[in-house]
Amino acid sequence: MRFERDVVIVGGCGHVGLPLGLAFADRGLKVALFDLNDEAVAQVGSGAMPFSEAGADEVLRRVMGTRLIATTDPGVVATAENVVVVIGTPVGVDA
């Protein structure tokens, strides 16, 4: 069986999934970030980080649309050879 993507990251536009996806894509893997947060998916899809992460802006611009996509379509999971599920982690002073 031939897969369209090497990796799909579920929860992929958050503080854990997005840097992981960027690292995979920057090393040549075809990655999809699946997330339910429409705003974060749109922001990542436009090539902008939804949060600050050192060095990530440059990597995102380099891989977006070529080796990396962001989507709210759950069907993308079926296109992956590997699926990584990340769990939301609280960020902030109360974390």
PDB file of N, CA and C in Angstrom:
ATOM      1  N   MET A   1       0.839  -1.185   0.000  1.00  0.00           N
ATOM      2  CA  MET A   1       0.000   0.000   0.000  1.00  0.00           C
ATOM      3  C   MET A   1       0.884   1.248   0.000  1.00  0.00           C
ATOM      4  N   ARG A   2       0.525   2.201  -0.806  1.00  0.00           N
ATOM      5  CA  ARG A   2       1.273   3.465  -0.898  1.00  0.00           C
ATOM      6  C   ARG A   2       0.485   4.567  -0.200  1.00  0.00           C
ATOM      7  N   PHE A   3       1.129   5.259   0.730  1.00  0.00           N
ATOM      8  CA  PHE A   3       0.487   6.329   1.481  1.00  0.00           C
ATOM      9  C   PHE A   3       0.872   7.684   0.897  1.00  0.00           C
ATOM     10  N   GLU A   4      -0.044   8.626   0.998  1.00  0.00           N
ATOM     11  CA  GLU A   4       0.187   9.983   0.506  1.00  0.00           C
ATOM     12  C   GLU A   4       1.103  10.774   1.441  1.00  0.00           C
ATOM     13  N   ARG A   5       1.013  10.504   2.732  1.00  0.00           N
ATOM     14  CA  ARG A   5       1.781  11.239   3.743  1.00  0.00           C
ATOM     15  C   ARG A   5       2.608  10.266   4.574  1.00  0.00           C
ATOM     16  N   ASP A   6       3.779  10.714   4.995  1.00  0.00           N
ATOM     17  CA  ASP A   6       4.582   9.907   5.911  1.00  0.00           C
ATOM     18  C   ASP A   6       3.984   9.932   7.312  1.00  0.00           C
ATOM     19  N   VAL A   7       3.513  11.123   7.734  1.00  0.00           N
ATOM     20  CA  VAL A   7       3.026  11.302   9.102  1.00  0.00           C
ATOM     21  C   VAL A   7       1.834  12.253   9.099  1.00  0.00           C
ATOM     22  N   VAL A   8       0.813  11.911   9.898  1.00  0.00           N
ATOM     23  CA  VAL A   8      -0.244  12.849  10.246  1.00  0.00           C
ATOM     24  C   VAL A   8      -0.174  13.031  11.755  1.00  0.00           C
ATOM     25  N   ILE A   9      -0.173  14.284  12.181  1.00  0.00           N
ATOM     26  CA  ILE A   9      -0.140  14.592  13.609  1.00  0.00           C
ATOM     27  C   ILE A   9      -1.518  15.101  14.002  1.00  0.00           C
ATOM     28  N   VAL A  10      -2.191  14.355  14.870  1.00  0.00           N
ATOM     29  CA  VAL A  10      -3.512  14.723  15.377  1.00  0.00           C
ATOM     30  C   VAL A  10      -3.303  15.663  16.557  1.00  0.00           C
ATOM     31  N   GLY A  11      -3.934  16.811  16.501  1.00  0.00           N
ATOM     32  CA  GLY A  11      -3.657  17.864  17.472  1.00  0.00           C
ATOM     33  C   GLY A  11      -2.434  18.648  17.027  1.00  0.00           C
ATOM     34  N   GLY A  12      -2.271  18.725  15.701  1.00  0.00           N
ATOM     35  CA  GLY A  12      -1.027  19.164  15.102  1.00  0.00           C
ATOM     36  C   GLY A  12      -0.712  20.639  15.079  1.00  0.00           C
ATOM     37  N   CYS A  13      -1.634  21.504  15.463  1.00  0.00           N
ATOM     38  CA  CYS A  13      -1.325  22.942  15.407  1.00  0.00           C
ATOM     39  C   CYS A  13      -1.079  23.535  16.785  1.00  0.00           C
ATOM     40  N   GLY A  14      -0.855  22.699  17.765  1.00  0.00           N
ATOM     41  CA  GLY A  14      -0.606  23.165  19.122  1.00  0.00           C
ATOM     42  C   GLY A  14       0.873  23.240  19.467  1.00  0.00           C
ATOM     43  N   HIS A  15       1.133  23.470  20.736  1.00  0.00           N
ATOM     44  CA  HIS A  15       2.497  23.699  21.226  1.00  0.00           C
ATOM     45  C   HIS A  15       3.392  22.468  21.148  1.00  0.00           C
ATOM     46  N   VAL A  16       2.817  21.290  21.038  1.00  0.00           N
ATOM     47  CA  VAL A  16       3.608  20.067  20.908  1.00  0.00           C
ATOM     48  C   VAL A  16       3.600  19.589  19.459  1.00  0.00           C
ATOM     49  N   GLY A  17       2.409  19.493  18.857  1.00  0.00           N
ATOM     50  CA  GLY A  17       2.278  18.936  17.512  1.00  0.00           C
ATOM     51  C   GLY A  17       2.925  19.755  16.420  1.00  0.00           C
ATOM     52  N   LEU A  18       2.792  21.061  16.481  1.00  0.00           N
ATOM     53  CA  LEU A  18       3.339  21.904  15.419  1.00  0.00           C
ATOM     54  C   LEU A  18       4.871  21.860  15.368  1.00  0.00           C
ATOM     55  N   PRO A  19       5.584  22.049  16.477  1.00  0.00           N
ATOM     56  CA  PRO A  19       7.042  21.927  16.395  1.00  0.00           C
ATOM     57  C   PRO A  19       7.490  20.531  15.947  1.00  0.00           C
ATOM     58  N   LEU A  20       6.767  19.491  16.388  1.00  0.00           N
ATOM     59  CA  LEU A  20       7.100  18.135  15.959  1.00  0.00           C
ATOM     60  C   LEU A  20       6.896  17.990  14.451  1.00  0.00           C
ATOM     61  N   GLY A  21       5.769  18.490  13.956  1.00  0.00           N
ATOM     62  CA  GLY A  21       5.499  18.438  12.520  1.00  0.00           C
ATOM     63  C   GLY A  21       6.522  19.214  11.718  1.00  0.00           C
ATOM     64  N   LEU A  22       6.923  20.364  12.217  1.00  0.00           N
ATOM     65  CA  LEU A  22       7.946  21.160  11.539  1.00  0.00           C
ATOM     66  C   LEU A  22       9.269  20.412  11.472  1.00  0.00           C
ATOM     67  N   ALA A  23       9.622  19.754  12.567  1.00  0.00           N
ATOM     68  CA  ALA A  23      10.879  18.995  12.595  1.00  0.00           C
ATOM     69  C   ALA A  23      10.842  17.846  11.587  1.00  0.00           C
ATOM     70  N   PHE A  24       9.728  17.119  11.527  1.00  0.00           N
ATOM     71  CA  PHE A  24       9.592  16.032  10.554  1.00  0.00           C
ATOM     72  C   PHE A  24       9.661  16.562   9.126  1.00  0.00           C
ATOM     73  N   ALA A  25       8.902  17.617   8.842  1.00  0.00           N
ATOM     74  CA  ALA A  25       8.857  18.167   7.481  1.00  0.00           C
ATOM     75  C   ALA A  25      10.204  18.749   7.076  1.00  0.00           C
ATOM     76  N   ASP A  26      10.888  19.378   8.014  1.00  0.00           N
ATOM     77  CA  ASP A  26      12.187  19.975   7.715  1.00  0.00           C
ATOM     78  C   ASP A  26      13.234  18.913   7.386  1.00  0.00           C
ATOM     79  N   ARG A  27      12.982  17.696   7.808  1.00  0.00           N
ATOM     80  CA  ARG A  27      13.891  16.585   7.510  1.00  0.00           C
ATOM     81  C   ARG A  27      13.425  15.776   6.302  1.00  0.00           C
ATOM     82  N   GLY A  28      12.426  16.308   5.576  1.00  0.00           N
ATOM     83  CA  GLY A  28      12.036  15.709   4.307  1.00  0.00           C
ATOM     84  C   GLY A  28      10.794  14.847   4.305  1.00  0.00           C
ATOM     85  N   LEU A  29      10.148  14.655   5.457  1.00  0.00           N
ATOM     86  CA  LEU A  29       8.936  13.856   5.482  1.00  0.00           C
ATOM     87  C   LEU A  29       7.738  14.676   5.011  1.00  0.00           C
ATOM     88  N   LYS A  30       6.749  13.993   4.416  1.00  0.00           N
ATOM     89  CA  LYS A  30       5.489  14.639   4.042  1.00  0.00           C
ATOM     90  C   LYS A  30       4.558  14.537   5.236  1.00  0.00           C
ATOM     91  N   VAL A  31       4.161  15.699   5.778  1.00  0.00           N
ATOM     92  CA  VAL A  31       3.446  15.773   7.048  1.00  0.00           C
ATOM     93  C   VAL A  31       2.132  16.530   6.878  1.00  0.00           C
ATOM     94  N   ALA A  32       1.093  16.011   7.540  1.00  0.00           N
ATOM     95  CA  ALA A  32      -0.166  16.741   7.650  1.00  0.00           C
ATOM     96  C   ALA A  32      -0.435  16.989   9.126  1.00  0.00           C
ATOM     97  N   LEU A  33      -0.850  18.201   9.430  1.00  0.00           N
ATOM     98  CA  LEU A  33      -1.248  18.565  10.780  1.00  0.00           C
ATOM     99  C   LEU A  33      -2.768  18.603  10.806  1.00  0.00           C
ATOM    100  N   PHE A  34      -3.387  17.712  11.561  1.00  0.00           N
ATOM    101  CA  PHE A  34      -4.846  17.701  11.695  1.00  0.00           C
ATOM    102  C   PHE A  34      -5.205  18.311  13.033  1.00  0.00           C
ATOM    103  N   ASP A  35      -6.101  19.303  13.002  1.00  0.00           N
ATOM    104  CA  ASP A  35      -6.502  19.974  14.228  1.00  0.00           C
ATOM    105  C   ASP A  35      -7.940  20.445  14.089  1.00  0.00           C
ATOM    106  N   LEU A  36      -8.671  20.503  15.185  1.00  0.00           N
ATOM    107  CA  LEU A  36     -10.053  20.983  15.188  1.00  0.00           C
ATOM    108  C   LEU A  36     -10.147  22.500  15.326  1.00  0.00           C
ATOM    109  N   ASN A  37      -9.051  23.152  15.675  1.00  0.00           N
ATOM    110  CA  ASN A  37      -9.035  24.599  15.870  1.00  0.00           C
ATOM    111  C   ASN A  37      -8.903  25.293  14.507  1.00  0.00           C
ATOM    112  N   ASP A  38     -10.047  25.745  13.978  1.00  0.00           N
ATOM    113  CA  ASP A  38     -10.077  26.388  12.655  1.00  0.00           C
ATOM    114  C   ASP A  38      -9.112  27.564  12.556  1.00  0.00           C
ATOM    115  N   GLU A  39      -9.064  28.375  13.604  1.00  0.00           N
ATOM    116  CA  GLU A  39      -8.216  29.568  13.564  1.00  0.00           C
ATOM    117  C   GLU A  39      -6.735  29.202  13.496  1.00  0.00           C
ATOM    118  N   ALA A  40      -6.316  28.234  14.300  1.00  0.00           N
ATOM    119  CA  ALA A  40      -4.909  27.819  14.284  1.00  0.00           C
ATOM    120  C   ALA A  40      -4.546  27.188  12.949  1.00  0.00           C
ATOM    121  N   VAL A  41      -5.444  26.358  12.403  1.00  0.00           N
ATOM    122  CA  VAL A  41      -5.189  25.729  11.097  1.00  0.00           C
ATOM    123  C   VAL A  41      -5.052  26.792  10.018  1.00  0.00           C
ATOM    124  N   ALA A  42      -5.937  27.788  10.028  1.00  0.00           N
ATOM    125  CA  ALA A  42      -5.861  28.869   9.039  1.00  0.00           C
ATOM    126  C   ALA A  42      -4.566  29.663   9.187  1.00  0.00           C
ATOM    127  N   GLN A  43      -4.185  29.936  10.410  1.00  0.00           N
ATOM    128  CA  GLN A  43      -2.962  30.717  10.642  1.00  0.00           C
ATOM    129  C   GLN A  43      -1.734  29.947  10.174  1.00  0.00           C
ATOM    130  N   VAL A  44      -1.637  28.673  10.553  1.00  0.00           N
ATOM    131  CA  VAL A  44      -0.504  27.854  10.122  1.00  0.00           C
ATOM    132  C   VAL A  44      -0.517  27.719   8.602  1.00  0.00           C
ATOM    133  N   GLY A  45      -1.695  27.502   8.039  1.00  0.00           N
ATOM    134  CA  GLY A  45      -1.814  27.370   6.586  1.00  0.00           C
ATOM    135  C   GLY A  45      -1.375  28.605   5.832  1.00  0.00           C
ATOM    136  N   SER A  46      -1.488  29.759   6.472  1.00  0.00           N
ATOM    137  CA  SER A  46      -1.051  30.999   5.828  1.00  0.00           C
ATOM    138  C   SER A  46       0.444  31.245   6.028  1.00  0.00           C
ATOM    139  N   GLY A  47       1.110  30.338   6.756  1.00  0.00           N
ATOM    140  CA  GLY A  47       2.550  30.461   6.962  1.00  0.00           C
ATOM    141  C   GLY A  47       2.944  31.238   8.194  1.00  0.00           C
ATOM    142  N   ALA A  48       1.998  31.403   9.143  1.00  0.00           N
ATOM    143  CA  ALA A  48       2.286  32.151  10.372  1.00  0.00           C
ATOM    144  C   ALA A  48       2.130  31.237  11.587  1.00  0.00           C
ATOM    145  N   MET A  49       3.045  31.336  12.503  1.00  0.00           N
ATOM    146  CA  MET A  49       2.981  30.567  13.744  1.00  0.00           C
ATOM    147  C   MET A  49       1.894  31.140  14.654  1.00  0.00           C
ATOM    148  N   PRO A  50       1.075  30.286  15.272  1.00  0.00           N
ATOM    149  CA  PRO A  50       0.049  30.786  16.194  1.00  0.00           C
ATOM    150  C   PRO A  50       0.597  31.075  17.593  1.00  0.00           C
ATOM    151  N   PHE A  51       1.880  30.802  17.812  1.00  0.00           N
ATOM    152  CA  PHE A  51       2.549  31.073  19.082  1.00  0.00           C
ATOM    153  C   PHE A  51       4.038  31.232  18.794  1.00  0.00           C
ATOM    154  N   SER A  52       4.760  31.730  19.768  1.00  0.00           N
ATOM    155  CA  SER A  52       6.189  31.964  19.589  1.00  0.00           C
ATOM    156  C   SER A  52       6.981  30.683  19.845  1.00  0.00           C
ATOM    157  N   GLU A  53       7.848  30.346  18.898  1.00  0.00           N
ATOM    158  CA  GLU A  53       8.731  29.182  19.018  1.00  0.00           C
ATOM    159  C   GLU A  53      10.007  29.542  18.263  1.00  0.00           C
ATOM    160  N   ALA A  54      11.124  29.583  18.966  1.00  0.00           N
ATOM    161  CA  ALA A  54      12.389  30.014  18.373  1.00  0.00           C
ATOM    162  C   ALA A  54      12.710  29.241  17.090  1.00  0.00           C
ATOM    163  N   GLY A  55      12.932  29.982  16.000  1.00  0.00           N
ATOM    164  CA  GLY A  55      13.328  29.406  14.721  1.00  0.00           C
ATOM    165  C   GLY A  55      12.208  28.806  13.892  1.00  0.00           C
ATOM    166  N   ALA A  56      11.015  28.706  14.458  1.00  0.00           N
ATOM    167  CA  ALA A  56       9.917  28.016  13.778  1.00  0.00           C
ATOM    168  C   ALA A  56       9.363  28.789  12.583  1.00  0.00           C
ATOM    169  N   ASP A  57       9.351  30.113  12.643  1.00  0.00           N
ATOM    170  CA  ASP A  57       8.795  30.910  11.542  1.00  0.00           C
ATOM    171  C   ASP A  57       9.492  30.595  10.224  1.00  0.00           C
ATOM    172  N   GLU A  58      10.803  30.542  10.256  1.00  0.00           N
ATOM    173  CA  GLU A  58      11.581  30.273   9.042  1.00  0.00           C
ATOM    174  C   GLU A  58      11.301  28.868   8.511  1.00  0.00           C
ATOM    175  N   VAL A  59      11.261  27.886   9.406  1.00  0.00           N
ATOM    176  CA  VAL A  59      10.996  26.504   8.981  1.00  0.00           C
ATOM    177  C   VAL A  59       9.590  26.398   8.402  1.00  0.00           C
ATOM    178  N   LEU A  60       8.611  27.010   9.053  1.00  0.00           N
ATOM    179  CA  LEU A  60       7.234  26.969   8.574  1.00  0.00           C
ATOM    180  C   LEU A  60       7.133  27.536   7.162  1.00  0.00           C
ATOM    181  N   ARG A  61       7.748  28.667   6.928  1.00  0.00           N
ATOM    182  CA  ARG A  61       7.715  29.264   5.578  1.00  0.00           C
ATOM    183  C   ARG A  61       8.372  28.348   4.542  1.00  0.00           C
ATOM    184  N   ARG A  62       9.410  27.653   4.952  1.00  0.00           N
ATOM    185  CA  ARG A  62      10.150  26.793   4.033  1.00  0.00           C
ATOM    186  C   ARG A  62       9.373  25.531   3.648  1.00  0.00           C
ATOM    187  N   VAL A  63       8.608  24.953   4.578  1.00  0.00           N
ATOM    188  CA  VAL A  63       7.975  23.653   4.325  1.00  0.00           C
ATOM    189  C   VAL A  63       6.478  23.712   4.034  1.00  0.00           C
ATOM    190  N   MET A  64       5.821  24.824   4.375  1.00  0.00           N
ATOM    191  CA  MET A  64       4.370  24.905   4.198  1.00  0.00           C
ATOM    192  C   MET A  64       3.997  24.794   2.727  1.00  0.00           C
ATOM    193  N   GLY A  65       3.075  23.903   2.449  1.00  0.00           N
ATOM    194  CA  GLY A  65       2.589  23.738   1.089  1.00  0.00           C
ATOM    195  C   GLY A  65       3.409  22.788   0.236  1.00  0.00           C
ATOM    196  N   THR A  66       4.601  22.463   0.686  1.00  0.00           N
ATOM    197  CA  THR A  66       5.414  21.507  -0.063  1.00  0.00           C
ATOM    198  C   THR A  66       5.464  20.182   0.678  1.00  0.00           C
ATOM    199  N   ARG A  67       5.982  20.207   1.894  1.00  0.00           N
ATOM    200  CA  ARG A  67       6.055  18.989   2.698  1.00  0.00           C
ATOM    201  C   ARG A  67       5.118  19.030   3.896  1.00  0.00           C
ATOM    202  N   LEU A  68       4.426  20.140   4.109  1.00  0.00           N
ATOM    203  CA  LEU A  68       3.570  20.301   5.280  1.00  0.00           C
ATOM    204  C   LEU A  68       2.239  20.931   4.881  1.00  0.00           C
ATOM    205  N   ILE A  69       1.147  20.359   5.389  1.00  0.00           N
ATOM    206  CA  ILE A  69      -0.170  20.981   5.258  1.00  0.00           C
ATOM    207  C   ILE A  69      -0.832  20.993   6.625  1.00  0.00           C
ATOM    208  N   ALA A  70      -1.780  21.895   6.809  1.00  0.00           N
ATOM    209  CA  ALA A  70      -2.607  21.939   8.015  1.00  0.00           C
ATOM    210  C   ALA A  70      -4.057  21.845   7.577  1.00  0.00           C
ATOM    211  N   THR A  71      -4.842  21.028   8.283  1.00  0.00           N
ATOM    212  CA  THR A  71      -6.218  20.803   7.866  1.00  0.00           C
ATOM    213  C   THR A  71      -7.122  20.471   9.049  1.00  0.00           C
ATOM    214  N   THR A  72      -8.408  20.721   8.854  1.00  0.00           N
ATOM    215  CA  THR A  72      -9.429  20.306   9.819  1.00  0.00           C
ATOM    216  C   THR A  72     -10.174  19.074   9.313  1.00  0.00           C
ATOM    217  N   ASP A  73      -9.754  18.513   8.202  1.00  0.00           N
ATOM    218  CA  ASP A  73     -10.409  17.347   7.601  1.00  0.00           C
ATOM    219  C   ASP A  73      -9.894  16.059   8.243  1.00  0.00           C
ATOM    220  N   PRO A  74     -10.735  15.346   9.006  1.00  0.00           N
ATOM    221  CA  PRO A  74     -10.280  14.115   9.654  1.00  0.00           C
ATOM    222  C   PRO A  74      -9.920  13.002   8.664  1.00  0.00           C
ATOM    223  N   GLY A  75     -10.376  13.114   7.433  1.00  0.00           N
ATOM    224  CA  GLY A  75     -10.048  12.131   6.413  1.00  0.00           C
ATOM    225  C   GLY A  75      -8.564  12.040   6.118  1.00  0.00           C
ATOM    226  N   VAL A  76      -7.810  13.066   6.477  1.00  0.00           N
ATOM    227  CA  VAL A  76      -6.365  13.068   6.214  1.00  0.00           C
ATOM    228  C   VAL A  76      -5.656  11.945   6.977  1.00  0.00           C
ATOM    229  N   VAL A  77      -6.240  11.506   8.085  1.00  0.00           N
ATOM    230  CA  VAL A  77      -5.617  10.442   8.880  1.00  0.00           C
ATOM    231  C   VAL A  77      -5.473   9.163   8.046  1.00  0.00           C
ATOM    232  N   ALA A  78      -6.435   8.902   7.184  1.00  0.00           N
ATOM    233  CA  ALA A  78      -6.398   7.694   6.353  1.00  0.00           C
ATOM    234  C   ALA A  78      -5.302   7.735   5.298  1.00  0.00           C
ATOM    235  N   THR A  79      -4.700   8.893   5.071  1.00  0.00           N
ATOM    236  CA  THR A  79      -3.665   9.031   4.041  1.00  0.00           C
ATOM    237  C   THR A  79      -2.260   8.807   4.592  1.00  0.00           C
ATOM    238  N   ALA A  80      -2.154   8.499   5.897  1.00  0.00           N
ATOM    239  CA  ALA A  80      -0.844   8.477   6.557  1.00  0.00           C
ATOM    240  C   ALA A  80      -0.315   7.077   6.803  1.00  0.00           C
ATOM    241  N   GLU A  81       0.974   6.932   6.612  1.00  0.00           N
ATOM    242  CA  GLU A  81       1.643   5.696   7.006  1.00  0.00           C
ATOM    243  C   GLU A  81       1.775   5.623   8.525  1.00  0.00           C
ATOM    244  N   ASN A  82       2.009   6.785   9.152  1.00  0.00           N
ATOM    245  CA  ASN A  82       2.170   6.873  10.605  1.00  0.00           C
ATOM    246  C   ASN A  82       1.277   7.978  11.145  1.00  0.00           C
ATOM    247  N   VAL A  83       0.690   7.739  12.320  1.00  0.00           N
ATOM    248  CA  VAL A  83      -0.160   8.736  12.971  1.00  0.00           C
ATOM    249  C   VAL A  83       0.392   8.980  14.369  1.00  0.00           C
ATOM    250  N   VAL A  84       0.574  10.257  14.690  1.00  0.00           N
ATOM    251  CA  VAL A  84       1.019  10.657  16.021  1.00  0.00           C
ATOM    252  C   VAL A  84      -0.119  11.458  16.637  1.00  0.00           C
ATOM    253  N   VAL A  85      -0.522  11.076  17.852  1.00  0.00           N
ATOM    254  CA  VAL A  85      -1.566  11.802  18.568  1.00  0.00           C
ATOM    255  C   VAL A  85      -0.907  12.545  19.714  1.00  0.00           C
ATOM    256  N   VAL A  86      -1.103  13.864  19.741  1.00  0.00           N
ATOM    257  CA  VAL A  86      -0.563  14.652  20.848  1.00  0.00           C
ATOM    258  C   VAL A  86      -1.700  15.107  21.735  1.00  0.00           C
ATOM    259  N   ILE A  87      -1.412  15.226  23.003  1.00  0.00           N
ATOM    260  CA  ILE A  87      -2.398  15.615  23.994  1.00  0.00           C
ATOM    261  C   ILE A  87      -2.167  17.072  24.362  1.00  0.00           C
ATOM    262  N   GLY A  88      -3.241  17.834  24.403  1.00  0.00           N
ATOM    263  CA  GLY A  88      -3.141  19.252  24.757  1.00  0.00           C
ATOM    264  C   GLY A  88      -2.511  19.447  26.124  1.00  0.00           C
ATOM    265  N   THR A  89      -1.631  20.400  26.214  1.00  0.00           N
ATOM    266  CA  THR A  89      -0.975  20.708  27.478  1.00  0.00           C
ATOM    267  C   THR A  89      -1.252  22.154  27.828  1.00  0.00           C
ATOM    268  N   PRO A  90      -1.556  22.433  29.083  1.00  0.00           N
ATOM    269  CA  PRO A  90      -1.822  23.816  29.474  1.00  0.00           C
ATOM    270  C   PRO A  90      -0.552  24.661  29.380  1.00  0.00           C
ATOM    271  N   VAL A  91      -0.728  25.895  28.960  1.00  0.00           N
ATOM    272  CA  VAL A  91       0.395  26.819  28.846  1.00  0.00           C
ATOM    273  C   VAL A  91       0.013  28.085  29.603  1.00  0.00           C
ATOM    274  N   GLY A  92       0.920  28.578  30.394  1.00  0.00           N
ATOM    275  CA  GLY A  92       0.657  29.816  31.113  1.00  0.00           C
ATOM    276  C   GLY A  92       1.081  29.729  32.564  1.00  0.00           C
ATOM    277  N   VAL A  93       0.769  30.759  33.312  1.00  0.00           N
ATOM    278  CA  VAL A  93       1.219  30.847  34.698  1.00  0.00           C
ATOM    279  C   VAL A  93       0.538  29.822  35.589  1.00  0.00           C
ATOM    280  N   ASP A  94      -0.662  29.381  35.231  1.00  0.00           N
ATOM    281  CA  ASP A  94      -1.381  28.409  36.040  1.00  0.00           C
ATOM    282  C   ASP A  94      -1.099  26.974  35.648  1.00  0.00           C
ATOM    283  N   ALA A  95      -0.214  26.769  34.656  1.00  0.00           N
ATOM    284  CA  ALA A  95       0.053  25.413  34.158  1.00  0.00           C
ATOM    285  C   ALA A  95       0.856  24.601  35.124  1.00  0.00           C
TER     286      ALA A  95
END
